[in-house]
Amino acid sequence: MTGISKKKILRKALSSRLEELSHNLSDRDRGGIEFSEVENFEEYLRLVMVRYYPKIKSGNFNKKEKEKFFILLLGMAEKALSDDYRILDAFNNAYEIIIKTEWDSIDQKEYIIPFFRIYKYLLSHHLKNI
């Protein structure tokens, strides 16, 4: 596969996901986003994908695990602006389980909407830079 076709495929996938995300976020997309830089994003990534992602995916998580999942995931947002697509992939995986999970209104406000906003920004950023 040539570099051009890889870019085309990536652009199409990111555009499609951005459109879907924009629809899910719809009128809740108010307010800014904040990034915080973490020192050991590799450990954040490991914890998100190995420890917390499976729990969230299975629906077998407690309040502390849910909080930790989102804190760690959003803590990697600034690093997800880089060309290291592992972090963007973690956001993609998180999005896929988030939209399949029922969240109460408090979770929506504290976790889901902030995640959607940051994820939307990340997708837009990567689309501009392909």
N, C-alpha and C. Protein backbone atom coordinates (compact mmCIF):
# COMPACT_ATOMS: atom_id res chain seq x y z
N MET A 1 0.85 -1.17 0.00
CA MET A 1 0.00 0.00 0.00
C MET A 1 0.90 1.24 0.00
N THR A 2 0.59 2.15 -0.88
CA THR A 2 1.42 3.35 -0.97
C THR A 2 1.08 4.34 0.13
N GLY A 3 2.00 5.28 0.33
CA GLY A 3 1.79 6.31 1.34
C GLY A 3 0.54 7.13 1.07
N ILE A 4 0.26 7.37 -0.21
CA ILE A 4 -0.92 8.16 -0.57
C ILE A 4 -2.19 7.41 -0.20
N SER A 5 -2.25 6.13 -0.51
CA SER A 5 -3.47 5.39 -0.20
C SER A 5 -3.65 5.19 1.30
N LYS A 6 -2.54 5.07 2.05
CA LYS A 6 -2.65 4.98 3.51
C LYS A 6 -3.23 6.28 4.06
N LYS A 7 -2.75 7.39 3.55
CA LYS A 7 -3.25 8.69 4.00
C LYS A 7 -4.73 8.86 3.65
N LYS A 8 -5.09 8.39 2.46
CA LYS A 8 -6.48 8.48 2.02
C LYS A 8 -7.39 7.66 2.94
N ILE A 9 -6.96 6.46 3.27
CA ILE A 9 -7.73 5.58 4.15
C ILE A 9 -7.84 6.20 5.54
N LEU A 10 -6.72 6.71 6.06
CA LEU A 10 -6.73 7.35 7.37
C LEU A 10 -7.64 8.57 7.38
N ARG A 11 -7.54 9.39 6.35
CA ARG A 11 -8.38 10.59 6.26
C ARG A 11 -9.86 10.21 6.24
N LYS A 12 -10.20 9.18 5.48
CA LYS A 12 -11.60 8.74 5.39
C LYS A 12 -12.09 8.21 6.74
N ALA A 13 -11.26 7.43 7.41
CA ALA A 13 -11.65 6.86 8.72
C ALA A 13 -11.82 7.97 9.76
N LEU A 14 -10.88 8.92 9.79
CA LEU A 14 -10.98 10.01 10.77
C LEU A 14 -12.18 10.90 10.46
N SER A 15 -12.42 11.17 9.20
CA SER A 15 -13.57 12.01 8.82
C SER A 15 -14.88 11.36 9.22
N SER A 16 -14.97 10.07 8.96
CA SER A 16 -16.18 9.33 9.31
C SER A 16 -16.42 9.34 10.83
N ARG A 17 -15.35 9.10 11.58
CA ARG A 17 -15.48 9.09 13.04
C ARG A 17 -15.83 10.49 13.56
N LEU A 18 -15.23 11.53 12.98
CA LEU A 18 -15.51 12.90 13.39
C LEU A 18 -16.97 13.25 13.14
N GLU A 19 -17.50 12.83 12.02
CA GLU A 19 -18.90 13.08 11.70
C GLU A 19 -19.81 12.38 12.71
N GLU A 20 -19.51 11.12 13.02
CA GLU A 20 -20.29 10.36 14.00
C GLU A 20 -20.21 11.01 15.38
N LEU A 21 -19.02 11.39 15.77
CA LEU A 21 -18.81 12.02 17.07
C LEU A 21 -19.54 13.35 17.16
N SER A 22 -19.48 14.14 16.11
CA SER A 22 -20.17 15.44 16.10
C SER A 22 -21.66 15.25 16.28
N HIS A 23 -22.19 14.20 15.67
CA HIS A 23 -23.61 13.89 15.83
C HIS A 23 -23.92 13.50 17.29
N ASN A 24 -23.06 12.68 17.89
CA ASN A 24 -23.27 12.26 19.28
C ASN A 24 -23.11 13.40 20.27
N LEU A 25 -22.24 14.33 19.95
CA LEU A 25 -22.00 15.47 20.84
C LEU A 25 -23.06 16.53 20.65
N SER A 26 -23.51 16.72 19.44
CA SER A 26 -24.54 17.68 19.01
C SER A 26 -24.56 18.95 19.85
N ASP A 27 -25.67 19.21 20.51
CA ASP A 27 -25.84 20.48 21.22
C ASP A 27 -25.10 20.55 22.56
N ARG A 28 -24.41 19.49 22.94
CA ARG A 28 -23.68 19.48 24.21
C ARG A 28 -22.26 20.01 24.06
N ASP A 29 -21.92 20.45 22.85
CA ASP A 29 -20.55 20.88 22.56
C ASP A 29 -20.36 22.35 22.93
N ARG A 30 -20.37 22.62 24.20
CA ARG A 30 -20.16 23.97 24.69
C ARG A 30 -18.97 23.96 25.65
N GLY A 31 -18.24 25.02 25.63
CA GLY A 31 -17.11 25.11 26.54
C GLY A 31 -15.82 24.73 25.85
N GLY A 32 -14.76 25.03 26.53
CA GLY A 32 -13.44 24.77 25.98
C GLY A 32 -12.91 23.42 26.38
N ILE A 33 -11.70 23.18 25.98
CA ILE A 33 -11.02 21.95 26.37
C ILE A 33 -9.69 22.33 26.99
N GLU A 34 -9.23 21.48 27.86
CA GLU A 34 -7.95 21.70 28.52
C GLU A 34 -7.09 20.47 28.37
N PHE A 35 -5.81 20.72 28.16
CA PHE A 35 -4.85 19.63 28.08
C PHE A 35 -3.90 19.75 29.26
N SER A 36 -3.53 18.61 29.77
CA SER A 36 -2.50 18.61 30.80
C SER A 36 -1.43 17.62 30.35
N GLU A 37 -0.21 18.03 30.48
CA GLU A 37 0.89 17.19 30.05
C GLU A 37 1.26 16.22 31.16
N VAL A 38 1.46 14.98 30.79
CA VAL A 38 1.87 13.97 31.76
C VAL A 38 3.29 13.54 31.45
N GLU A 39 4.00 13.16 32.47
CA GLU A 39 5.39 12.77 32.29
C GLU A 39 5.52 11.36 31.72
N ASN A 40 4.73 10.44 32.24
CA ASN A 40 4.89 9.05 31.84
C ASN A 40 3.63 8.56 31.11
N PHE A 41 3.43 9.08 29.90
CA PHE A 41 2.24 8.69 29.16
C PHE A 41 2.25 7.22 28.81
N GLU A 42 3.43 6.60 28.70
CA GLU A 42 3.50 5.16 28.40
C GLU A 42 2.80 4.35 29.50
N GLU A 43 3.00 4.77 30.74
CA GLU A 43 2.34 4.08 31.86
C GLU A 43 0.84 4.36 31.84
N TYR A 44 0.46 5.60 31.51
CA TYR A 44 -0.96 5.93 31.38
C TYR A 44 -1.60 5.04 30.31
N LEU A 45 -0.93 4.94 29.17
CA LEU A 45 -1.46 4.13 28.07
C LEU A 45 -1.59 2.67 28.48
N ARG A 46 -0.58 2.15 29.16
CA ARG A 46 -0.62 0.76 29.61
C ARG A 46 -1.79 0.53 30.57
N LEU A 47 -1.93 1.43 31.53
CA LEU A 47 -3.02 1.28 32.50
C LEU A 47 -4.39 1.37 31.84
N VAL A 48 -4.55 2.33 30.94
CA VAL A 48 -5.84 2.47 30.25
C VAL A 48 -6.18 1.21 29.49
N MET A 49 -5.24 0.73 28.68
CA MET A 49 -5.56 -0.37 27.77
C MET A 49 -5.53 -1.75 28.42
N VAL A 50 -4.70 -1.92 29.43
CA VAL A 50 -4.57 -3.25 30.05
C VAL A 50 -5.46 -3.41 31.27
N ARG A 51 -5.53 -2.40 32.10
CA ARG A 51 -6.28 -2.53 33.34
C ARG A 51 -7.72 -2.03 33.23
N TYR A 52 -7.93 -0.84 32.70
CA TYR A 52 -9.25 -0.21 32.79
C TYR A 52 -10.13 -0.43 31.56
N TYR A 53 -9.56 -0.44 30.37
CA TYR A 53 -10.36 -0.65 29.17
C TYR A 53 -11.17 -1.95 29.24
N PRO A 54 -10.56 -3.08 29.60
CA PRO A 54 -11.35 -4.32 29.68
C PRO A 54 -12.49 -4.24 30.69
N LYS A 55 -12.27 -3.56 31.80
CA LYS A 55 -13.33 -3.43 32.81
C LYS A 55 -14.49 -2.59 32.28
N ILE A 56 -14.17 -1.46 31.64
CA ILE A 56 -15.22 -0.61 31.09
C ILE A 56 -15.96 -1.36 29.98
N LYS A 57 -15.21 -2.04 29.14
CA LYS A 57 -15.82 -2.79 28.03
C LYS A 57 -16.78 -3.86 28.53
N SER A 58 -16.40 -4.54 29.60
CA SER A 58 -17.25 -5.62 30.13
C SER A 58 -18.44 -5.08 30.93
N GLY A 59 -18.37 -3.80 31.30
CA GLY A 59 -19.44 -3.22 32.12
C GLY A 59 -19.27 -3.55 33.59
N ASN A 60 -18.18 -4.21 33.92
CA ASN A 60 -17.92 -4.63 35.29
C ASN A 60 -16.87 -3.71 35.94
N PHE A 61 -17.30 -2.48 36.23
CA PHE A 61 -16.38 -1.49 36.80
C PHE A 61 -17.07 -0.75 37.94
N ASN A 62 -16.27 -0.29 38.87
CA ASN A 62 -16.83 0.51 39.96
C ASN A 62 -16.53 1.99 39.71
N LYS A 63 -16.98 2.83 40.61
CA LYS A 63 -16.83 4.28 40.44
C LYS A 63 -15.36 4.69 40.34
N LYS A 64 -14.52 4.12 41.19
CA LYS A 64 -13.11 4.48 41.19
C LYS A 64 -12.43 4.06 39.88
N GLU A 65 -12.76 2.88 39.37
CA GLU A 65 -12.19 2.42 38.11
C GLU A 65 -12.64 3.30 36.95
N LYS A 66 -13.89 3.69 36.97
CA LYS A 66 -14.41 4.58 35.93
C LYS A 66 -13.68 5.92 35.96
N GLU A 67 -13.53 6.50 37.15
CA GLU A 67 -12.83 7.77 37.29
C GLU A 67 -11.40 7.66 36.80
N LYS A 68 -10.72 6.61 37.19
CA LYS A 68 -9.32 6.41 36.82
C LYS A 68 -9.18 6.26 35.30
N PHE A 69 -10.09 5.51 34.69
CA PHE A 69 -10.08 5.33 33.23
C PHE A 69 -10.11 6.68 32.53
N PHE A 70 -11.04 7.53 32.91
CA PHE A 70 -11.17 8.82 32.24
C PHE A 70 -10.04 9.77 32.59
N ILE A 71 -9.59 9.77 33.81
CA ILE A 71 -8.47 10.63 34.21
C ILE A 71 -7.22 10.28 33.42
N LEU A 72 -6.93 8.99 33.34
CA LEU A 72 -5.74 8.55 32.61
C LEU A 72 -5.88 8.82 31.12
N LEU A 73 -7.02 8.50 30.57
CA LEU A 73 -7.25 8.69 29.14
C LEU A 73 -7.13 10.16 28.77
N LEU A 74 -7.82 11.02 29.48
CA LEU A 74 -7.78 12.44 29.16
C LEU A 74 -6.41 13.04 29.47
N GLY A 75 -5.69 12.42 30.39
CA GLY A 75 -4.35 12.88 30.70
C GLY A 75 -3.38 12.68 29.54
N MET A 76 -3.73 11.81 28.61
CA MET A 76 -2.88 11.55 27.45
C MET A 76 -3.25 12.41 26.25
N ALA A 77 -4.24 13.27 26.39
CA ALA A 77 -4.76 14.01 25.24
C ALA A 77 -3.70 14.84 24.53
N GLU A 78 -2.87 15.53 25.27
CA GLU A 78 -1.85 16.35 24.62
C GLU A 78 -0.89 15.48 23.82
N LYS A 79 -0.52 14.36 24.36
CA LYS A 79 0.38 13.44 23.65
C LYS A 79 -0.31 12.87 22.41
N ALA A 80 -1.63 12.78 22.43
CA ALA A 80 -2.38 12.25 21.29
C ALA A 80 -2.34 13.20 20.09
N LEU A 81 -1.85 14.41 20.29
CA LEU A 81 -1.69 15.35 19.17
C LEU A 81 -0.45 15.01 18.33
N SER A 82 0.40 14.15 18.86
CA SER A 82 1.63 13.78 18.16
C SER A 82 1.35 12.74 17.08
N ASP A 83 2.40 12.32 16.41
CA ASP A 83 2.27 11.28 15.38
C ASP A 83 2.27 9.87 15.98
N ASP A 84 2.27 9.78 17.29
CA ASP A 84 2.21 8.47 17.96
C ASP A 84 0.74 8.05 17.99
N TYR A 85 0.35 7.28 17.00
CA TYR A 85 -1.06 6.92 16.84
C TYR A 85 -1.56 5.91 17.86
N ARG A 86 -0.70 5.41 18.71
CA ARG A 86 -1.16 4.49 19.76
C ARG A 86 -2.14 5.20 20.69
N ILE A 87 -1.88 6.46 20.97
CA ILE A 87 -2.74 7.20 21.89
C ILE A 87 -4.07 7.51 21.21
N LEU A 88 -4.01 7.95 19.95
CA LEU A 88 -5.25 8.18 19.22
C LEU A 88 -6.05 6.88 19.11
N ASP A 89 -5.36 5.78 18.95
CA ASP A 89 -6.03 4.48 18.90
C ASP A 89 -6.72 4.16 20.23
N ALA A 90 -6.08 4.52 21.33
CA ALA A 90 -6.71 4.33 22.65
C ALA A 90 -7.99 5.16 22.75
N PHE A 91 -7.96 6.38 22.21
CA PHE A 91 -9.17 7.21 22.19
C PHE A 91 -10.23 6.57 21.30
N ASN A 92 -9.82 6.05 20.15
CA ASN A 92 -10.77 5.36 19.26
C ASN A 92 -11.42 4.18 19.97
N ASN A 93 -10.61 3.37 20.63
CA ASN A 93 -11.14 2.21 21.36
C ASN A 93 -12.08 2.65 22.47
N ALA A 94 -11.68 3.68 23.19
CA ALA A 94 -12.52 4.19 24.28
C ALA A 94 -13.86 4.67 23.74
N TYR A 95 -13.82 5.40 22.65
CA TYR A 95 -15.06 5.91 22.06
C TYR A 95 -16.01 4.76 21.71
N GLU A 96 -15.47 3.72 21.14
CA GLU A 96 -16.30 2.58 20.72
C GLU A 96 -17.00 1.91 21.90
N ILE A 97 -16.37 1.87 23.06
CA ILE A 97 -17.06 1.27 24.21
C ILE A 97 -17.94 2.30 24.93
N ILE A 98 -17.55 3.54 24.88
CA ILE A 98 -18.34 4.59 25.54
C ILE A 98 -19.72 4.71 24.91
N ILE A 99 -19.78 4.65 23.58
CA ILE A 99 -21.09 4.81 22.94
C ILE A 99 -21.97 3.58 23.11
N LYS A 100 -21.40 2.47 23.55
CA LYS A 100 -22.19 1.25 23.77
C LYS A 100 -22.57 1.06 25.24
N THR A 101 -22.17 1.99 26.08
CA THR A 101 -22.41 1.88 27.52
C THR A 101 -23.42 2.94 27.94
N GLU A 102 -24.31 2.57 28.83
CA GLU A 102 -25.27 3.54 29.36
C GLU A 102 -24.61 4.33 30.49
N TRP A 103 -24.74 5.65 30.43
CA TRP A 103 -24.14 6.54 31.42
C TRP A 103 -25.24 7.41 32.00
N ASP A 104 -25.18 7.63 33.30
CA ASP A 104 -26.18 8.51 33.90
C ASP A 104 -25.82 9.97 33.61
N SER A 105 -26.69 10.88 34.00
CA SER A 105 -26.48 12.30 33.67
C SER A 105 -25.22 12.87 34.32
N ILE A 106 -24.86 12.39 35.48
CA ILE A 106 -23.64 12.86 36.15
C ILE A 106 -22.42 12.40 35.35
N ASP A 107 -22.41 11.13 34.94
CA ASP A 107 -21.31 10.62 34.12
C ASP A 107 -21.22 11.38 32.80
N GLN A 108 -22.37 11.67 32.22
CA GLN A 108 -22.39 12.43 30.96
C GLN A 108 -21.67 13.77 31.14
N LYS A 109 -22.00 14.46 32.21
CA LYS A 109 -21.43 15.78 32.45
C LYS A 109 -19.95 15.71 32.82
N GLU A 110 -19.59 14.79 33.71
CA GLU A 110 -18.23 14.73 34.24
C GLU A 110 -17.23 14.03 33.33
N TYR A 111 -17.68 13.05 32.57
CA TYR A 111 -16.75 12.22 31.81
C TYR A 111 -17.01 12.20 30.30
N ILE A 112 -18.23 11.91 29.92
CA ILE A 112 -18.52 11.64 28.52
C ILE A 112 -18.40 12.89 27.66
N ILE A 113 -19.05 13.96 28.05
CA ILE A 113 -18.98 15.19 27.25
C ILE A 113 -17.56 15.73 27.18
N PRO A 114 -16.82 15.81 28.30
CA PRO A 114 -15.42 16.24 28.17
C PRO A 114 -14.59 15.32 27.26
N PHE A 115 -14.82 14.02 27.37
CA PHE A 115 -14.12 13.09 26.49
C PHE A 115 -14.47 13.38 25.03
N PHE A 116 -15.76 13.51 24.71
CA PHE A 116 -16.20 13.79 23.35
C PHE A 116 -15.56 15.07 22.81
N ARG A 117 -15.52 16.11 23.63
CA ARG A 117 -14.93 17.38 23.18
C ARG A 117 -13.46 17.21 22.83
N ILE A 118 -12.73 16.58 23.70
CA ILE A 118 -11.30 16.39 23.45
C ILE A 118 -11.07 15.47 22.27
N TYR A 119 -11.82 14.40 22.20
CA TYR A 119 -11.68 13.47 21.08
C TYR A 119 -11.99 14.17 19.75
N LYS A 120 -13.02 14.98 19.74
CA LYS A 120 -13.36 15.74 18.53
C LYS A 120 -12.20 16.64 18.12
N TYR A 121 -11.60 17.31 19.08
CA TYR A 121 -10.46 18.17 18.79
C TYR A 121 -9.28 17.35 18.22
N LEU A 122 -9.03 16.21 18.82
CA LEU A 122 -7.94 15.35 18.37
C LEU A 122 -8.17 14.88 16.92
N LEU A 123 -9.38 14.46 16.64
CA LEU A 123 -9.69 14.01 15.27
C LEU A 123 -9.51 15.15 14.28
N SER A 124 -10.01 16.32 14.61
CA SER A 124 -9.86 17.49 13.73
C SER A 124 -8.39 17.82 13.50
N HIS A 125 -7.62 17.79 14.59
CA HIS A 125 -6.19 18.06 14.50
C HIS A 125 -5.50 17.09 13.54
N HIS A 126 -5.78 15.81 13.70
CA HIS A 126 -5.11 14.82 12.85
C HIS A 126 -5.58 14.91 11.40
N LEU A 127 -6.84 15.25 11.18
CA LEU A 127 -7.32 15.42 9.81
C LEU A 127 -6.60 16.57 9.12
N LYS A 128 -6.37 17.63 9.84
CA LYS A 128 -5.66 18.80 9.26
C LYS A 128 -4.22 18.48 8.95
N ASN A 129 -3.65 17.51 9.67
CA ASN A 129 -2.21 17.25 9.54
C ASN A 129 -1.86 15.99 8.76
N ILE A 130 -2.82 15.43 8.07
CA ILE A 130 -2.54 14.23 7.25
C ILE A 130 -1.93 14.69 5.94
